[in-house]
Each structure stands twice: as C-alpha cells, then as structure tokens.
C-alpha cells in the first residue's frame, strides 16, 4: 500500500457495514446476490436488520441446466420462484423484481429509472451491488447493473436529482461492491458459508448439486472464505469516496 493511500484510508475510512439498519442487495440475475454476498445477508437478518433483495433481470437465458424443452419465458418464471426460496433460506422475505430481460435487452435509461424507483421505495442506507470495475467481468448485465448502482448510490440522497428519475430520495450512505478483486471492508460470516451454499442449491435450474457449475463455485467460495479468515469482502465506498479520494476506495 502506498503512503498516500494509507494516509487517505486513515483520514477518510470506508464505512463499517454492520453499523446501519436498512440494506438493499441488488442482483443482476436471480442468483448473484447469494453468490456475492449471501452469507452477509444472512448475518444482517440474524441481527434484526431490514434487508431487501432486488433482482434486475429475469434470467431467462440461463438454460444450461434447465429441463429439456424449457422456454426462456418458462425459465424466467421458474427462476423467480427459486429466487424467493433461496432468499427465504437466508431469512430474507422482502424480494423485489424489476423484470428486465436477461442478456442486456433493455436500455440504460430503462434500467436507471426502474432502479431509482426501487431504491426510493425501499430507502436503504447501504446498497450492495456487483463491482463493475473488475477487469475480468464480461457479462453485460453485471456491468450495467454495477454501473447504474454506483451512479444512483451517489445521487440517491438528492431529492431534486431523484425527482428527474421520478423517484423518491433515499438516505444512502455506503455502497458495498461484491464480486470484487479489491475488498477494503470485511464482514465476519463465520458459520454461515453452509447457509450460503444451501441457498445456491435452491437455484435448481442453475446449480444442480452434482453439476460442474456448482462444484467449482462451491470450491471457490470455500477458498475465498478461508483466505478472508471466515469473512466476506467488499469494496466499500462512502459518499466521499464515491466522487473523490480514489485511493481511499481501494
């Protein structure tokens, strides 16, 4: 860590995630929240926090493990039911869907307006979303949702700006980016990894227990859990880091 970065991190530390009451977890697809932050969501619910899952797209093209003959429309309906079951297994009962098409078949404006209204409706203090700045990320839905979440996390407290999105303001104080290569805050999730993996298995059309997809992802999550000493890691930005002090957000 450079001297400047260390000084800035000390002078303007990223917010501690556990100190808030209302959390909105935004997922591009029905399984992304569980992959990137499922154990953290379980812990926050256990502590009596208000937790909402918001799923942006319908996942209609994740057909690899779906029953033969399943149409994209039928898969979208199945994945919504799977998302509800997986969230419930983590203790989350407030699950909302934007219903946009998987595969990025929507406009940036459509995503921004729908996401802004959902943020205003729930009124989170912390937003969780996928990190769109990871150099290896290629999925357009992850990139689009991550970028839109970053943009709106900063604008959410400003009533006049949110009004342009036909949305209410929200008291967002921190953005926690999951699936990140540069975590700067960690949440102790010891003892909750199995709940996270159980939630993943409830996405039955995506992760059959005997599938290579599930086995490789489970191994990755186990190794990441070990490397983070029983924690989940996030790149956390407060309102200051969202628009200046770039070194403090790494």
C-alpha atoms as a PDB file:
ATOM      1  CA  UNK A   1       0.000   0.000   0.000  1.00  0.00           C
ATOM      2  CA  UNK A   2       1.414   3.398  -0.954  1.00  0.00           C
ATOM      3  CA  UNK A   3       1.952   6.037   1.711  1.00  0.00           C
ATOM      4  CA  UNK A   4      -0.680   8.320   0.142  1.00  0.00           C
ATOM      5  CA  UNK A   5      -3.247   5.530   0.003  1.00  0.00           C
ATOM      6  CA  UNK A   6      -2.578   4.600   3.605  1.00  0.00           C
ATOM      7  CA  UNK A   7      -2.953   8.188   4.787  1.00  0.00           C
ATOM      8  CA  UNK A   8      -6.195   8.666   2.850  1.00  0.00           C
ATOM      9  CA  UNK A   9      -7.639   5.428   4.168  1.00  0.00           C
ATOM     10  CA  UNK A  10      -6.880   6.642   7.687  1.00  0.00           C
ATOM     11  CA  UNK A  11      -8.220  10.153   7.051  1.00  0.00           C
ATOM     12  CA  UNK A  12     -11.379   9.006   5.212  1.00  0.00           C
ATOM     13  CA  UNK A  13     -12.077   5.388   6.150  1.00  0.00           C
ATOM     14  CA  UNK A  14     -14.721   3.396   4.311  1.00  0.00           C
ATOM     15  CA  UNK A  15     -17.905   2.986   6.367  1.00  0.00           C
ATOM     16  CA  UNK A  16     -18.259  -0.135   8.515  1.00  0.00           C
ATOM     17  CA  UNK A  17     -21.110  -2.096   7.009  1.00  0.00           C
ATOM     18  CA  UNK A  18     -22.532  -3.572  10.189  1.00  0.00           C
ATOM     19  CA  UNK A  19     -23.471  -0.185  11.674  1.00  0.00           C
ATOM     20  CA  UNK A  20     -26.590   0.528   9.631  1.00  0.00           C
ATOM     21  CA  UNK A  21     -30.222  -0.633   9.709  1.00  0.00           C
ATOM     22  CA  UNK A  22     -31.501  -0.801   6.103  1.00  0.00           C
ATOM     23  CA  UNK A  23     -29.735  -2.744   3.350  1.00  0.00           C
ATOM     24  CA  UNK A  24     -30.638  -3.193  -0.306  1.00  0.00           C
ATOM     25  CA  UNK A  25     -28.904  -6.049  -2.121  1.00  0.00           C
ATOM     26  CA  UNK A  26     -29.069  -5.585  -5.899  1.00  0.00           C
ATOM     27  CA  UNK A  27     -28.527  -8.596  -8.149  1.00  0.00           C
ATOM     28  CA  UNK A  28     -28.263  -8.577 -11.946  1.00  0.00           C
ATOM     29  CA  UNK A  29     -29.715 -12.122 -12.038  1.00  0.00           C
ATOM     30  CA  UNK A  30     -31.684 -14.245  -9.567  1.00  0.00           C
ATOM     31  CA  UNK A  31     -28.590 -15.997  -8.120  1.00  0.00           C
ATOM     32  CA  UNK A  32     -25.951 -13.247  -7.984  1.00  0.00           C
ATOM     33  CA  UNK A  33     -26.721 -11.916  -4.512  1.00  0.00           C
ATOM     34  CA  UNK A  34     -26.341 -15.361  -2.974  1.00  0.00           C
ATOM     35  CA  UNK A  35     -23.017 -15.864  -4.781  1.00  0.00           C
ATOM     36  CA  UNK A  36     -21.547 -12.484  -3.916  1.00  0.00           C
ATOM     37  CA  UNK A  37     -22.993 -11.657  -0.510  1.00  0.00           C
ATOM     38  CA  UNK A  38     -25.282 -14.444   0.695  1.00  0.00           C
ATOM     39  CA  UNK A  39     -23.505 -15.046   3.995  1.00  0.00           C
ATOM     40  CA  UNK A  40     -23.504 -11.336   4.807  1.00  0.00           C
ATOM     41  CA  UNK A  41     -27.219 -11.060   4.084  1.00  0.00           C
ATOM     42  CA  UNK A  42     -27.864 -13.983   6.439  1.00  0.00           C
ATOM     43  CA  UNK A  43     -25.880 -12.327   9.212  1.00  0.00           C
ATOM     44  CA  UNK A  44     -27.649  -8.986   8.839  1.00  0.00           C
ATOM     45  CA  UNK A  45     -31.071 -10.650   9.016  1.00  0.00           C
ATOM     46  CA  UNK A  46     -29.999 -12.553  12.143  1.00  0.00           C
ATOM     47  CA  UNK A  47     -29.088  -9.220  13.722  1.00  0.00           C
ATOM     48  CA  UNK A  48     -32.540  -7.794  13.080  1.00  0.00           C
ATOM     49  CA  UNK A  49     -31.589  -5.508  10.185  1.00  0.00           C
ATOM     50  CA  UNK A  50     -34.011  -4.624   7.387  1.00  0.00           C
ATOM     51  CA  UNK A  51     -32.831  -6.472   4.278  1.00  0.00           C
ATOM     52  CA  UNK A  52     -34.327  -6.361   0.783  1.00  0.00           C
ATOM     53  CA  UNK A  53     -33.231  -8.267  -2.326  1.00  0.00           C
ATOM     54  CA  UNK A  54     -33.789  -6.519  -5.665  1.00  0.00           C
ATOM     55  CA  UNK A  55     -33.294  -8.648  -8.792  1.00  0.00           C
ATOM     56  CA  UNK A  56     -32.939  -6.708 -12.014  1.00  0.00           C
ATOM     57  CA  UNK A  57     -33.270  -9.255 -14.823  1.00  0.00           C
ATOM     58  CA  UNK A  58     -35.359 -12.377 -15.223  1.00  0.00           C
ATOM     59  CA  UNK A  59     -32.523 -14.816 -16.009  1.00  0.00           C
ATOM     60  CA  UNK A  60     -34.412 -16.244 -18.970  1.00  0.00           C
ATOM     61  CA  UNK A  61     -31.292 -17.307 -20.884  1.00  0.00           C
ATOM     62  CA  UNK A  62     -29.638 -19.404 -18.156  1.00  0.00           C
ATOM     63  CA  UNK A  63     -30.875 -22.578 -19.812  1.00  0.00           C
ATOM     64  CA  UNK A  64     -27.815 -24.843 -19.417  1.00  0.00           C
ATOM     65  CA  UNK A  65     -29.288 -26.956 -16.602  1.00  0.00           C
ATOM     66  CA  UNK A  66     -32.979 -26.246 -17.119  1.00  0.00           C
ATOM     67  CA  UNK A  67     -35.256 -29.181 -18.042  1.00  0.00           C
ATOM     68  CA  UNK A  68     -35.126 -30.031 -21.731  1.00  0.00           C
ATOM     69  CA  UNK A  69     -37.695 -28.057 -23.671  1.00  0.00           C
ATOM     70  CA  UNK A  70     -37.920 -25.207 -21.178  1.00  0.00           C
ATOM     71  CA  UNK A  71     -38.629 -21.929 -22.955  1.00  0.00           C
ATOM     72  CA  UNK A  72     -36.981 -18.670 -21.888  1.00  0.00           C
ATOM     73  CA  UNK A  73     -40.366 -17.418 -20.658  1.00  0.00           C
ATOM     74  CA  UNK A  74     -40.948 -20.550 -18.568  1.00  0.00           C
ATOM     75  CA  UNK A  75     -37.417 -20.354 -17.174  1.00  0.00           C
ATOM     76  CA  UNK A  76     -37.962 -16.750 -16.080  1.00  0.00           C
ATOM     77  CA  UNK A  77     -40.988 -17.855 -14.034  1.00  0.00           C
ATOM     78  CA  UNK A  78     -39.036 -20.779 -12.518  1.00  0.00           C
ATOM     79  CA  UNK A  79     -36.114 -18.560 -11.590  1.00  0.00           C
ATOM     80  CA  UNK A  80     -38.370 -16.123  -9.785  1.00  0.00           C
ATOM     81  CA  UNK A  81     -39.669 -18.939  -7.598  1.00  0.00           C
ATOM     82  CA  UNK A  82     -36.126 -20.178  -6.998  1.00  0.00           C
ATOM     83  CA  UNK A  83     -35.052 -16.666  -6.010  1.00  0.00           C
ATOM     84  CA  UNK A  84     -37.839 -16.432  -3.443  1.00  0.00           C
ATOM     85  CA  UNK A  85     -36.927 -19.817  -1.949  1.00  0.00           C
ATOM     86  CA  UNK A  86     -33.198 -19.032  -1.826  1.00  0.00           C
ATOM     87  CA  UNK A  87     -33.777 -15.655  -0.191  1.00  0.00           C
ATOM     88  CA  UNK A  88     -36.119 -17.218   2.379  1.00  0.00           C
ATOM     89  CA  UNK A  89     -33.426 -19.743   3.294  1.00  0.00           C
ATOM     90  CA  UNK A  90     -31.229 -16.774   4.257  1.00  0.00           C
ATOM     91  CA  UNK A  91     -34.086 -15.190   6.224  1.00  0.00           C
ATOM     92  CA  UNK A  92     -34.949 -12.569   3.591  1.00  0.00           C
ATOM     93  CA  UNK A  93     -38.660 -12.185   2.897  1.00  0.00           C
ATOM     94  CA  UNK A  94     -38.639  -8.849   1.036  1.00  0.00           C
ATOM     95  CA  UNK A  95     -37.680  -9.775  -2.535  1.00  0.00           C
ATOM     96  CA  UNK A  96     -38.456  -7.483  -5.468  1.00  0.00           C
ATOM     97  CA  UNK A  97     -38.082  -7.929  -9.222  1.00  0.00           C
ATOM     98  CA  UNK A  98     -37.560  -5.333 -11.947  1.00  0.00           C
ATOM     99  CA  UNK A  99     -38.385  -7.905 -14.624  1.00  0.00           C
ATOM    100  CA  UNK A 100     -35.912  -6.657 -17.235  1.00  0.00           C
ATOM    101  CA  UNK A 101     -34.745  -9.130 -19.857  1.00  0.00           C
ATOM    102  CA  UNK A 102     -31.652 -11.192 -19.227  1.00  0.00           C
ATOM    103  CA  UNK A 103     -28.924 -10.603 -21.810  1.00  0.00           C
ATOM    104  CA  UNK A 104     -28.983  -6.801 -21.551  1.00  0.00           C
ATOM    105  CA  UNK A 105     -32.026  -6.427 -23.824  1.00  0.00           C
ATOM    106  CA  UNK A 106     -33.021  -3.140 -22.193  1.00  0.00           C
ATOM    107  CA  UNK A 107     -31.832   0.431 -22.434  1.00  0.00           C
ATOM    108  CA  UNK A 108     -29.597   2.196 -19.916  1.00  0.00           C
ATOM    109  CA  UNK A 109     -32.429   4.649 -19.282  1.00  0.00           C
ATOM    110  CA  UNK A 110     -34.906   1.840 -18.596  1.00  0.00           C
ATOM    111  CA  UNK A 111     -32.554   0.285 -16.040  1.00  0.00           C
ATOM    112  CA  UNK A 112     -31.716   3.601 -14.353  1.00  0.00           C
ATOM    113  CA  UNK A 113     -35.333   4.696 -13.957  1.00  0.00           C
ATOM    114  CA  UNK A 114     -36.512   1.308 -12.655  1.00  0.00           C
ATOM    115  CA  UNK A 115     -33.580   1.017 -10.278  1.00  0.00           C
ATOM    116  CA  UNK A 116     -34.011   4.574  -8.997  1.00  0.00           C
ATOM    117  CA  UNK A 117     -37.679   3.960  -8.203  1.00  0.00           C
ATOM    118  CA  UNK A 118     -36.828   0.744  -6.363  1.00  0.00           C
ATOM    119  CA  UNK A 119     -34.123   2.487  -4.319  1.00  0.00           C
ATOM    120  CA  UNK A 120     -36.506   5.309  -3.450  1.00  0.00           C
ATOM    121  CA  UNK A 121     -39.270   2.873  -2.498  1.00  0.00           C
ATOM    122  CA  UNK A 122     -37.098   0.894  -0.052  1.00  0.00           C
ATOM    123  CA  UNK A 123     -34.951   3.739   1.258  1.00  0.00           C
ATOM    124  CA  UNK A 124     -31.687   1.902   2.024  1.00  0.00           C
ATOM    125  CA  UNK A 125     -28.721   3.252   3.923  1.00  0.00           C
ATOM    126  CA  UNK A 126     -26.408   0.708   2.276  1.00  0.00           C
ATOM    127  CA  UNK A 127     -26.574  -0.678  -1.250  1.00  0.00           C
ATOM    128  CA  UNK A 128     -24.832  -3.917  -2.237  1.00  0.00           C
ATOM    129  CA  UNK A 129     -24.162  -4.416  -5.964  1.00  0.00           C
ATOM    130  CA  UNK A 130     -21.668  -6.215  -8.232  1.00  0.00           C
ATOM    131  CA  UNK A 131     -18.355  -4.468  -8.832  1.00  0.00           C
ATOM    132  CA  UNK A 132     -18.404  -3.259 -12.472  1.00  0.00           C
ATOM    133  CA  UNK A 133     -14.738  -2.273 -12.372  1.00  0.00           C
ATOM    134  CA  UNK A 134     -13.327  -5.811 -12.207  1.00  0.00           C
ATOM    135  CA  UNK A 135     -11.178  -6.199 -15.321  1.00  0.00           C
ATOM    136  CA  UNK A 136     -12.305  -9.786 -15.962  1.00  0.00           C
ATOM    137  CA  UNK A 137     -16.055  -9.068 -15.860  1.00  0.00           C
ATOM    138  CA  UNK A 138     -17.620  -9.668 -19.280  1.00  0.00           C
ATOM    139  CA  UNK A 139     -21.340 -10.095 -18.571  1.00  0.00           C
ATOM    140  CA  UNK A 140     -23.223  -7.027 -19.771  1.00  0.00           C
ATOM    141  CA  UNK A 141     -25.904  -7.372 -17.086  1.00  0.00           C
ATOM    142  CA  UNK A 142     -23.299  -7.335 -14.310  1.00  0.00           C
ATOM    143  CA  UNK A 143     -21.558  -4.348 -15.822  1.00  0.00           C
ATOM    144  CA  UNK A 144     -24.782  -2.435 -16.450  1.00  0.00           C
ATOM    145  CA  UNK A 145     -26.262  -3.078 -13.011  1.00  0.00           C
ATOM    146  CA  UNK A 146     -22.987  -2.309 -11.256  1.00  0.00           C
ATOM    147  CA  UNK A 147     -22.526   0.983 -13.089  1.00  0.00           C
ATOM    148  CA  UNK A 148     -26.149   2.028 -12.563  1.00  0.00           C
ATOM    149  CA  UNK A 149     -25.914   1.151  -8.864  1.00  0.00           C
ATOM    150  CA  UNK A 150     -22.776   3.255  -8.481  1.00  0.00           C
ATOM    151  CA  UNK A 151     -24.399   6.209 -10.206  1.00  0.00           C
ATOM    152  CA  UNK A 152     -27.599   6.060  -8.165  1.00  0.00           C
ATOM    153  CA  UNK A 153     -25.899   5.350  -4.842  1.00  0.00           C
ATOM    154  CA  UNK A 154     -24.325   8.785  -5.037  1.00  0.00           C
ATOM    155  CA  UNK A 155     -27.422  10.581  -6.344  1.00  0.00           C
ATOM    156  CA  UNK A 156     -29.961   8.828  -4.095  1.00  0.00           C
ATOM    157  CA  UNK A 157     -29.922  11.377  -1.220  1.00  0.00           C
ATOM    158  CA  UNK A 158     -30.576  14.319  -3.582  1.00  0.00           C
ATOM    159  CA  UNK A 159     -34.332  14.827  -3.894  1.00  0.00           C
ATOM    160  CA  UNK A 160     -34.112  17.125  -6.915  1.00  0.00           C
ATOM    161  CA  UNK A 161     -31.996  14.630  -8.865  1.00  0.00           C
ATOM    162  CA  UNK A 162     -34.090  11.614  -7.901  1.00  0.00           C
ATOM    163  CA  UNK A 163     -37.186  13.530  -8.971  1.00  0.00           C
ATOM    164  CA  UNK A 164     -35.767  13.563 -12.505  1.00  0.00           C
ATOM    165  CA  UNK A 165     -35.903   9.756 -12.319  1.00  0.00           C
ATOM    166  CA  UNK A 166     -39.476  10.039 -10.996  1.00  0.00           C
ATOM    167  CA  UNK A 167     -38.215   8.503  -7.745  1.00  0.00           C
ATOM    168  CA  UNK A 168     -38.083   9.416  -4.088  1.00  0.00           C
ATOM    169  CA  UNK A 169     -34.728  10.170  -2.432  1.00  0.00           C
ATOM    170  CA  UNK A 170     -33.085   7.582  -0.203  1.00  0.00           C
ATOM    171  CA  UNK A 171     -30.564   8.042   2.638  1.00  0.00           C
ATOM    172  CA  UNK A 172     -27.771   6.002   1.044  1.00  0.00           C
ATOM    173  CA  UNK A 173     -24.531   6.381   2.974  1.00  0.00           C
ATOM    174  CA  UNK A 174     -22.474   3.496   1.608  1.00  0.00           C
ATOM    175  CA  UNK A 175     -22.085   1.323  -1.463  1.00  0.00           C
ATOM    176  CA  UNK A 176     -20.682  -2.190  -0.960  1.00  0.00           C
ATOM    177  CA  UNK A 177     -19.456  -3.796  -4.168  1.00  0.00           C
ATOM    178  CA  UNK A 178     -19.424  -7.589  -4.148  1.00  0.00           C
ATOM    179  CA  UNK A 179     -17.637  -9.977  -6.550  1.00  0.00           C
ATOM    180  CA  UNK A 180     -14.714  -7.574  -6.213  1.00  0.00           C
ATOM    181  CA  UNK A 181     -10.991  -8.093  -6.599  1.00  0.00           C
ATOM    182  CA  UNK A 182     -10.205  -5.174  -4.262  1.00  0.00           C
ATOM    183  CA  UNK A 183     -12.053  -5.577  -0.943  1.00  0.00           C
ATOM    184  CA  UNK A 184     -11.402  -2.912   1.669  1.00  0.00           C
ATOM    185  CA  UNK A 185     -14.043  -3.953   4.221  1.00  0.00           C
ATOM    186  CA  UNK A 186     -14.841  -7.411   5.547  1.00  0.00           C
ATOM    187  CA  UNK A 187     -17.898  -8.834   7.315  1.00  0.00           C
ATOM    188  CA  UNK A 188     -17.435 -11.733   9.720  1.00  0.00           C
ATOM    189  CA  UNK A 189     -19.609 -14.505   8.293  1.00  0.00           C
ATOM    190  CA  UNK A 190     -18.060 -17.434  10.123  1.00  0.00           C
ATOM    191  CA  UNK A 191     -20.525 -20.317  10.401  1.00  0.00           C
ATOM    192  CA  UNK A 192     -22.734 -19.033   7.569  1.00  0.00           C
ATOM    193  CA  UNK A 193     -20.983 -20.412   4.491  1.00  0.00           C
ATOM    194  CA  UNK A 194     -23.132 -23.546   4.509  1.00  0.00           C
ATOM    195  CA  UNK A 195     -26.278 -21.398   4.502  1.00  0.00           C
ATOM    196  CA  UNK A 196     -24.896 -19.537   1.501  1.00  0.00           C
ATOM    197  CA  UNK A 197     -24.241 -22.810  -0.344  1.00  0.00           C
ATOM    198  CA  UNK A 198     -27.678 -24.141   0.577  1.00  0.00           C
ATOM    199  CA  UNK A 199     -29.230 -21.008  -0.885  1.00  0.00           C
ATOM    200  CA  UNK A 200     -27.293 -21.533  -4.116  1.00  0.00           C
ATOM    201  CA  UNK A 201     -28.621 -25.086  -4.429  1.00  0.00           C
ATOM    202  CA  UNK A 202     -32.151 -23.707  -4.281  1.00  0.00           C
ATOM    203  CA  UNK A 203     -31.443 -22.129  -7.658  1.00  0.00           C
ATOM    204  CA  UNK A 204     -32.060 -25.598  -9.048  1.00  0.00           C
ATOM    205  CA  UNK A 205     -32.079 -24.663 -12.725  1.00  0.00           C
ATOM    206  CA  UNK A 206     -28.613 -23.100 -12.341  1.00  0.00           C
ATOM    207  CA  UNK A 207     -26.777 -25.205  -9.766  1.00  0.00           C
ATOM    208  CA  UNK A 208     -27.743 -28.885  -9.587  1.00  0.00           C
ATOM    209  CA  UNK A 209     -25.748 -30.370  -6.711  1.00  0.00           C
ATOM    210  CA  UNK A 210     -23.824 -32.746  -8.997  1.00  0.00           C
ATOM    211  CA  UNK A 211     -23.069 -30.150 -11.682  1.00  0.00           C
ATOM    212  CA  UNK A 212     -19.608 -28.816 -12.548  1.00  0.00           C
ATOM    213  CA  UNK A 213     -21.016 -25.305 -12.146  1.00  0.00           C
ATOM    214  CA  UNK A 214     -21.957 -25.893  -8.505  1.00  0.00           C
ATOM    215  CA  UNK A 215     -18.808 -27.845  -7.622  1.00  0.00           C
ATOM    216  CA  UNK A 216     -16.465 -25.197  -8.986  1.00  0.00           C
ATOM    217  CA  UNK A 217     -18.382 -22.328  -7.408  1.00  0.00           C
ATOM    218  CA  UNK A 218     -18.603 -24.076  -4.033  1.00  0.00           C
ATOM    219  CA  UNK A 219     -14.844 -24.700  -4.093  1.00  0.00           C
ATOM    220  CA  UNK A 220     -14.194 -21.064  -4.967  1.00  0.00           C
ATOM    221  CA  UNK A 221     -16.411 -19.809  -2.141  1.00  0.00           C
ATOM    222  CA  UNK A 222     -14.753 -22.157   0.343  1.00  0.00           C
ATOM    223  CA  UNK A 223     -11.292 -20.933  -0.687  1.00  0.00           C
ATOM    224  CA  UNK A 224     -12.320 -17.264  -0.621  1.00  0.00           C
ATOM    225  CA  UNK A 225     -13.892 -17.783   2.810  1.00  0.00           C
ATOM    226  CA  UNK A 226     -10.638 -19.309   4.073  1.00  0.00           C
ATOM    227  CA  UNK A 227      -8.440 -16.633   2.512  1.00  0.00           C
ATOM    228  CA  UNK A 228     -10.580 -13.912   4.128  1.00  0.00           C
ATOM    229  CA  UNK A 229     -10.425 -15.676   7.525  1.00  0.00           C
ATOM    230  CA  UNK A 230     -14.108 -16.548   7.684  1.00  0.00           C
ATOM    231  CA  UNK A 231     -15.322 -13.264   6.220  1.00  0.00           C
ATOM    232  CA  UNK A 232     -16.882 -11.851   3.061  1.00  0.00           C
ATOM    233  CA  UNK A 233     -15.014  -8.985   1.425  1.00  0.00           C
ATOM    234  CA  UNK A 234     -16.433  -5.909  -0.297  1.00  0.00           C
ATOM    235  CA  UNK A 235     -15.142  -2.740  -1.918  1.00  0.00           C
ATOM    236  CA  UNK A 236     -16.974  -0.187   0.196  1.00  0.00           C
ATOM    237  CA  UNK A 237     -17.413   3.448  -0.765  1.00  0.00           C
ATOM    238  CA  UNK A 238     -18.878   6.142   1.431  1.00  0.00           C
ATOM    239  CA  UNK A 239     -20.314   9.310  -0.081  1.00  0.00           C
ATOM    240  CA  UNK A 240     -16.852  10.916  -0.034  1.00  0.00           C
ATOM    241  CA  UNK A 241     -15.106   8.022  -1.793  1.00  0.00           C
ATOM    242  CA  UNK A 242     -17.866   7.914  -4.415  1.00  0.00           C
ATOM    243  CA  UNK A 243     -16.682  11.091  -6.095  1.00  0.00           C
ATOM    244  CA  UNK A 244     -13.198  11.923  -4.820  1.00  0.00           C
ATOM    245  CA  UNK A 245     -10.262  10.417  -2.853  1.00  0.00           C
ATOM    246  CA  UNK A 246      -9.863   7.489  -5.277  1.00  0.00           C
ATOM    247  CA  UNK A 247      -7.024   5.893  -3.295  1.00  0.00           C
ATOM    248  CA  UNK A 248      -9.252   5.622  -0.210  1.00  0.00           C
ATOM    249  CA  UNK A 249     -11.706   3.445  -2.126  1.00  0.00           C
ATOM    250  CA  UNK A 250      -9.176   0.724  -2.988  1.00  0.00           C
END
